Amino acid sequence: MAAGSSVIAKRYSKALWRLADGPGEATEWVQPLKSFSQAIETSADLRTLLKSPAYPVDKKWSVFEEILTKVQAPKQLQHFAKYLLKSGRLEVVSEITKQFETLVDISNNTVEATVESALPLSEVQNKALVDRLEKFTGKKIRAKIVTKPELLAGIRVHMMGRTLDATLAANLGLMQQALLHAEA
């Protein structure tokens, strides 16, 4: 995404934030907004429709309105999407969604964490890991768990611009460094 589009998306996400009646309502809007954005992102037909000058705005809106209804978007969110369409900004809805979710996370004291694990984690392990990360950060954690067998053993956590690496490879690397410095 171009830098200009990012600035535009930030402005629209802030406007959407102000439309919400507080953080609770904004939080409820995240999932329908994400579903709507993903529908556009994953459908070549919808992206073509969006960009095509052959279809008038009202025809385009009838398609997008149907999608918004299916994802149970509240009326304010539907009005916002219609405004984006009429303004020619619906193509940045994916970035708007990301920026909006960031605003919601900040207000809810939530951090997204991506956890890479060599093996699938059980529900008990997931909960224990999230609990430890919450205690460590002092924030609520929304964890996305990804299984990466190439890690062989351990986990790697990406959050708040940092990486916590407790994989076998990282630990072997630390051991190698310690041995090399011990020999020197």
C-alpha atoms as a PDB file:
ATOM      1  CA  MET A   1       0.000   0.000   0.000  1.00  0.00           C
ATOM      2  CA  ALA A   2       1.277   3.433  -0.928  1.00  0.00           C
ATOM      3  CA  ALA A   3       2.118   5.876   1.840  1.00  0.00           C
ATOM      4  CA  GLY A   4      -0.737   8.153   0.720  1.00  0.00           C
ATOM      5  CA  SER A   5      -3.235   5.316   1.027  1.00  0.00           C
ATOM      6  CA  SER A   6      -2.010   4.594   4.535  1.00  0.00           C
ATOM      7  CA  VAL A   7      -2.582   8.212   5.573  1.00  0.00           C
ATOM      8  CA  ILE A   8      -6.050   8.128   4.006  1.00  0.00           C
ATOM      9  CA  ALA A   9      -6.860   4.852   5.767  1.00  0.00           C
ATOM     10  CA  LYS A  10      -5.744   6.279   9.102  1.00  0.00           C
ATOM     11  CA  ARG A  11      -8.039   9.293   8.668  1.00  0.00           C
ATOM     12  CA  TYR A  12     -11.023   7.122   7.764  1.00  0.00           C
ATOM     13  CA  SER A  13     -10.341   4.687  10.623  1.00  0.00           C
ATOM     14  CA  LYS A  14     -10.317   7.613  13.067  1.00  0.00           C
ATOM     15  CA  ALA A  15     -13.575   8.893  11.574  1.00  0.00           C
ATOM     16  CA  LEU A  16     -15.108   5.436  11.989  1.00  0.00           C
ATOM     17  CA  TRP A  17     -13.854   5.350  15.585  1.00  0.00           C
ATOM     18  CA  ARG A  18     -15.634   8.640  16.266  1.00  0.00           C
ATOM     19  CA  LEU A  19     -18.853   7.229  14.762  1.00  0.00           C
ATOM     20  CA  ALA A  20     -18.906   4.411  17.284  1.00  0.00           C
ATOM     21  CA  ASP A  21     -20.705   5.016  20.555  1.00  0.00           C
ATOM     22  CA  GLY A  22     -17.673   4.191  22.676  1.00  0.00           C
ATOM     23  CA  PRO A  23     -15.096   1.402  22.716  1.00  0.00           C
ATOM     24  CA  GLY A  24     -17.727  -1.306  23.311  1.00  0.00           C
ATOM     25  CA  GLU A  25     -19.577  -0.563  20.098  1.00  0.00           C
ATOM     26  CA  ALA A  26     -16.307  -0.129  18.186  1.00  0.00           C
ATOM     27  CA  THR A  27     -15.225  -3.570  19.383  1.00  0.00           C
ATOM     28  CA  GLU A  28     -18.490  -5.046  18.068  1.00  0.00           C
ATOM     29  CA  TRP A  29     -17.816  -3.519  14.650  1.00  0.00           C
ATOM     30  CA  VAL A  30     -14.402  -5.139  14.171  1.00  0.00           C
ATOM     31  CA  GLN A  31     -15.603  -8.599  13.115  1.00  0.00           C
ATOM     32  CA  PRO A  32     -18.201  -7.474  10.523  1.00  0.00           C
ATOM     33  CA  LEU A  33     -15.698  -4.962   9.153  1.00  0.00           C
ATOM     34  CA  LYS A  34     -13.012  -7.660   8.887  1.00  0.00           C
ATOM     35  CA  SER A  35     -15.432 -10.061   7.194  1.00  0.00           C
ATOM     36  CA  PHE A  36     -16.490  -7.386   4.696  1.00  0.00           C
ATOM     37  CA  SER A  37     -12.876  -6.428   4.002  1.00  0.00           C
ATOM     38  CA  GLN A  38     -11.864 -10.085   3.534  1.00  0.00           C
ATOM     39  CA  ALA A  39     -14.748 -10.638   1.123  1.00  0.00           C
ATOM     40  CA  ILE A  40     -13.423  -7.847  -1.075  1.00  0.00           C
ATOM     41  CA  GLU A  41      -9.792  -8.924  -0.664  1.00  0.00           C
ATOM     42  CA  THR A  42     -10.444 -12.542  -1.604  1.00  0.00           C
ATOM     43  CA  SER A  43     -12.852 -11.979  -4.495  1.00  0.00           C
ATOM     44  CA  ALA A  44     -11.414 -10.933  -7.829  1.00  0.00           C
ATOM     45  CA  ASP A  45     -14.975 -10.298  -9.039  1.00  0.00           C
ATOM     46  CA  LEU A  46     -15.671  -7.833  -6.207  1.00  0.00           C
ATOM     47  CA  ARG A  47     -12.381  -6.022  -6.792  1.00  0.00           C
ATOM     48  CA  THR A  48     -13.184  -5.797 -10.514  1.00  0.00           C
ATOM     49  CA  LEU A  49     -16.669  -4.500  -9.759  1.00  0.00           C
ATOM     50  CA  LEU A  50     -15.221  -1.914  -7.397  1.00  0.00           C
ATOM     51  CA  LYS A  51     -12.790  -0.568 -10.007  1.00  0.00           C
ATOM     52  CA  SER A  52     -15.076  -0.792 -13.039  1.00  0.00           C
ATOM     53  CA  PRO A  53     -16.484   2.485 -14.351  1.00  0.00           C
ATOM     54  CA  ALA A  54     -19.063   0.453 -16.318  1.00  0.00           C
ATOM     55  CA  TYR A  55     -21.275   0.025 -13.247  1.00  0.00           C
ATOM     56  CA  PRO A  56     -22.925   2.981 -11.535  1.00  0.00           C
ATOM     57  CA  VAL A  57     -22.434   3.460  -7.798  1.00  0.00           C
ATOM     58  CA  ASP A  58     -26.009   2.389  -6.973  1.00  0.00           C
ATOM     59  CA  LYS A  59     -25.497  -0.988  -8.719  1.00  0.00           C
ATOM     60  CA  LYS A  60     -22.192  -1.480  -6.930  1.00  0.00           C
ATOM     61  CA  TRP A  61     -23.803  -0.521  -3.638  1.00  0.00           C
ATOM     62  CA  SER A  62     -26.541  -3.143  -3.986  1.00  0.00           C
ATOM     63  CA  VAL A  63     -23.835  -5.853  -4.152  1.00  0.00           C
ATOM     64  CA  PHE A  64     -21.807  -4.474  -1.248  1.00  0.00           C
ATOM     65  CA  GLU A  65     -24.918  -3.841   0.836  1.00  0.00           C
ATOM     66  CA  GLU A  66     -25.863  -7.500   0.463  1.00  0.00           C
ATOM     67  CA  ILE A  67     -22.427  -8.555   1.721  1.00  0.00           C
ATOM     68  CA  LEU A  68     -22.653  -6.157   4.671  1.00  0.00           C
ATOM     69  CA  THR A  69     -26.061  -7.586   5.559  1.00  0.00           C
ATOM     70  CA  LYS A  70     -24.677 -11.141   5.414  1.00  0.00           C
ATOM     71  CA  VAL A  71     -21.836 -10.242   7.776  1.00  0.00           C
ATOM     72  CA  GLN A  72     -24.373  -8.552  10.098  1.00  0.00           C
ATOM     73  CA  ALA A  73     -22.806  -5.118   9.868  1.00  0.00           C
ATOM     74  CA  PRO A  74     -24.711  -2.513  11.901  1.00  0.00           C
ATOM     75  CA  LYS A  75     -26.380   0.349  10.036  1.00  0.00           C
ATOM     76  CA  GLN A  76     -23.681   2.896  10.950  1.00  0.00           C
ATOM     77  CA  LEU A  77     -21.042   0.601   9.445  1.00  0.00           C
ATOM     78  CA  GLN A  78     -23.165   0.159   6.317  1.00  0.00           C
ATOM     79  CA  HIS A  79     -23.512   3.943   5.975  1.00  0.00           C
ATOM     80  CA  PHE A  80     -19.761   4.296   6.401  1.00  0.00           C
ATOM     81  CA  ALA A  81     -19.110   1.704   3.673  1.00  0.00           C
ATOM     82  CA  LYS A  82     -21.543   3.470   1.363  1.00  0.00           C
ATOM     83  CA  TYR A  83     -19.719   6.745   1.973  1.00  0.00           C
ATOM     84  CA  LEU A  84     -16.407   5.022   1.178  1.00  0.00           C
ATOM     85  CA  LEU A  85     -17.864   3.662  -2.058  1.00  0.00           C
ATOM     86  CA  LYS A  86     -19.254   7.047  -3.124  1.00  0.00           C
ATOM     87  CA  SER A  87     -15.931   8.704  -2.236  1.00  0.00           C
ATOM     88  CA  GLY A  88     -13.922   6.168  -4.237  1.00  0.00           C
ATOM     89  CA  ARG A  89     -12.174   4.958  -1.076  1.00  0.00           C
ATOM     90  CA  LEU A  90     -13.634   1.478  -0.663  1.00  0.00           C
ATOM     91  CA  GLU A  91     -10.480   0.012  -2.212  1.00  0.00           C
ATOM     92  CA  VAL A  92      -8.598   0.934   0.985  1.00  0.00           C
ATOM     93  CA  VAL A  93     -11.125  -0.749   3.297  1.00  0.00           C
ATOM     94  CA  SER A  94      -8.583  -3.449   4.174  1.00  0.00           C
ATOM     95  CA  GLU A  95      -6.109  -0.879   5.494  1.00  0.00           C
ATOM     96  CA  ILE A  96      -8.910   1.067   7.182  1.00  0.00           C
ATOM     97  CA  THR A  97      -9.927  -2.161   8.916  1.00  0.00           C
ATOM     98  CA  LYS A  98      -6.378  -2.781  10.181  1.00  0.00           C
ATOM     99  CA  GLN A  99      -6.049   0.799  11.433  1.00  0.00           C
ATOM    100  CA  PHE A 100      -9.485   0.647  13.079  1.00  0.00           C
ATOM    101  CA  GLU A 101      -8.650  -2.641  14.793  1.00  0.00           C
ATOM    102  CA  THR A 102      -5.465  -1.036  16.127  1.00  0.00           C
ATOM    103  CA  LEU A 103      -7.511   1.812  17.628  1.00  0.00           C
ATOM    104  CA  VAL A 104      -9.878  -0.713  19.213  1.00  0.00           C
ATOM    105  CA  ASP A 105      -6.943  -2.734  20.583  1.00  0.00           C
ATOM    106  CA  ILE A 106      -5.388   0.373  22.120  1.00  0.00           C
ATOM    107  CA  SER A 107      -8.650   1.305  23.824  1.00  0.00           C
ATOM    108  CA  ASN A 108      -9.101  -2.255  25.092  1.00  0.00           C
ATOM    109  CA  ASN A 109      -5.457  -2.566  26.242  1.00  0.00           C
ATOM    110  CA  THR A 110      -5.059  -5.519  23.878  1.00  0.00           C
ATOM    111  CA  VAL A 111      -2.022  -6.730  21.963  1.00  0.00           C
ATOM    112  CA  GLU A 112      -1.991  -9.129  19.051  1.00  0.00           C
ATOM    113  CA  ALA A 113       0.629 -11.850  19.321  1.00  0.00           C
ATOM    114  CA  THR A 114       1.637 -14.376  16.693  1.00  0.00           C
ATOM    115  CA  VAL A 115       2.867 -17.575  18.311  1.00  0.00           C
ATOM    116  CA  GLU A 116       4.856 -19.977  16.161  1.00  0.00           C
ATOM    117  CA  SER A 117       5.051 -23.454  17.606  1.00  0.00           C
ATOM    118  CA  ALA A 118       6.916 -26.520  16.407  1.00  0.00           C
ATOM    119  CA  LEU A 119       3.967 -28.697  17.433  1.00  0.00           C
ATOM    120  CA  PRO A 120       0.246 -27.974  17.762  1.00  0.00           C
ATOM    121  CA  LEU A 121      -0.589 -26.599  21.207  1.00  0.00           C
ATOM    122  CA  SER A 122      -3.465 -27.991  23.256  1.00  0.00           C
ATOM    123  CA  GLU A 123      -6.160 -25.686  24.629  1.00  0.00           C
ATOM    124  CA  VAL A 124      -4.561 -25.952  28.086  1.00  0.00           C
ATOM    125  CA  GLN A 125      -1.148 -25.004  26.655  1.00  0.00           C
ATOM    126  CA  ASN A 126      -2.692 -22.119  24.664  1.00  0.00           C
ATOM    127  CA  LYS A 127      -4.396 -20.745  27.768  1.00  0.00           C
ATOM    128  CA  ALA A 128      -1.265 -21.122  29.918  1.00  0.00           C
ATOM    129  CA  LEU A 129       0.833 -19.348  27.272  1.00  0.00           C
ATOM    130  CA  VAL A 130      -1.669 -16.498  26.866  1.00  0.00           C
ATOM    131  CA  ASP A 131      -1.910 -16.130  30.654  1.00  0.00           C
ATOM    132  CA  ARG A 132       1.900 -15.862  30.938  1.00  0.00           C
ATOM    133  CA  LEU A 133       2.091 -13.362  28.076  1.00  0.00           C
ATOM    134  CA  GLU A 134      -0.665 -11.267  29.666  1.00  0.00           C
ATOM    135  CA  LYS A 135       1.181 -11.291  32.978  1.00  0.00           C
ATOM    136  CA  PHE A 136       4.446 -10.403  31.205  1.00  0.00           C
ATOM    137  CA  THR A 137       2.958  -7.485  29.209  1.00  0.00           C
ATOM    138  CA  GLY A 138       0.214  -6.302  31.541  1.00  0.00           C
ATOM    139  CA  LYS A 139      -2.113  -6.331  28.525  1.00  0.00           C
ATOM    140  CA  LYS A 140      -4.797  -8.617  27.128  1.00  0.00           C
ATOM    141  CA  ILE A 141      -3.387 -10.907  24.455  1.00  0.00           C
ATOM    142  CA  ARG A 142      -5.153 -11.936  21.267  1.00  0.00           C
ATOM    143  CA  ALA A 143      -3.003 -14.854  20.147  1.00  0.00           C
ATOM    144  CA  LYS A 144      -2.783 -16.248  16.655  1.00  0.00           C
ATOM    145  CA  ILE A 145      -1.196 -19.698  16.859  1.00  0.00           C
ATOM    146  CA  VAL A 146       0.756 -20.961  13.840  1.00  0.00           C
ATOM    147  CA  THR A 147       2.294 -24.434  13.677  1.00  0.00           C
ATOM    148  CA  LYS A 148       5.745 -24.452  12.048  1.00  0.00           C
ATOM    149  CA  PRO A 149       7.286 -27.930  12.124  1.00  0.00           C
ATOM    150  CA  GLU A 150      10.591 -26.531  10.804  1.00  0.00           C
ATOM    151  CA  LEU A 151      11.176 -25.042  14.273  1.00  0.00           C
ATOM    152  CA  LEU A 152      11.717 -28.634  15.516  1.00  0.00           C
ATOM    153  CA  ALA A 153      10.996 -27.715  19.149  1.00  0.00           C
ATOM    154  CA  GLY A 154       9.870 -24.712  21.166  1.00  0.00           C
ATOM    155  CA  ILE A 155       7.947 -21.539  20.377  1.00  0.00           C
ATOM    156  CA  ARG A 156       8.572 -18.073  18.940  1.00  0.00           C
ATOM    157  CA  VAL A 157       6.303 -15.158  19.884  1.00  0.00           C
ATOM    158  CA  HIS A 158       6.013 -11.959  17.826  1.00  0.00           C
ATOM    159  CA  MET A 159       4.257  -9.069  19.590  1.00  0.00           C
ATOM    160  CA  MET A 160       4.622  -5.359  20.218  1.00  0.00           C
ATOM    161  CA  GLY A 161       7.410  -5.125  17.617  1.00  0.00           C
ATOM    162  CA  ARG A 162       9.537  -7.730  19.376  1.00  0.00           C
ATOM    163  CA  THR A 163      10.287 -11.417  19.062  1.00  0.00           C
ATOM    164  CA  LEU A 164      10.648 -13.789  21.996  1.00  0.00           C
ATOM    165  CA  ASP A 165      12.446 -16.844  20.669  1.00  0.00           C
ATOM    166  CA  ALA A 166      12.405 -20.024  22.757  1.00  0.00           C
ATOM    167  CA  THR A 167      13.000 -22.428  19.875  1.00  0.00           C
ATOM    168  CA  LEU A 168      15.578 -25.191  19.792  1.00  0.00           C
ATOM    169  CA  ALA A 169      17.574 -23.334  17.127  1.00  0.00           C
ATOM    170  CA  ALA A 170      17.701 -20.146  19.222  1.00  0.00           C
ATOM    171  CA  ASN A 171      18.808 -22.033  22.318  1.00  0.00           C
ATOM    172  CA  LEU A 172      21.479 -23.930  20.365  1.00  0.00           C
ATOM    173  CA  GLY A 173      22.686 -20.605  18.963  1.00  0.00           C
ATOM    174  CA  LEU A 174      22.970 -19.175  22.466  1.00  0.00           C
ATOM    175  CA  MET A 175      24.859 -22.269  23.596  1.00  0.00           C
ATOM    176  CA  GLN A 176      27.216 -21.961  20.616  1.00  0.00           C
ATOM    177  CA  GLN A 177      27.896 -18.281  21.438  1.00  0.00           C
ATOM    178  CA  ALA A 178      28.581 -19.154  25.083  1.00  0.00           C
ATOM    179  CA  LEU A 179      31.011 -21.902  24.076  1.00  0.00           C
ATOM    180  CA  LEU A 180      32.790 -19.646  21.590  1.00  0.00           C
ATOM    181  CA  HIS A 181      33.207 -16.897  24.194  1.00  0.00           C
ATOM    182  CA  ALA A 182      34.336 -19.421  26.815  1.00  0.00           C
ATOM    183  CA  GLU A 183      37.141 -20.627  24.502  1.00  0.00           C
ATOM    184  CA  ALA A 184      38.352 -17.084  23.784  1.00  0.00           C
END
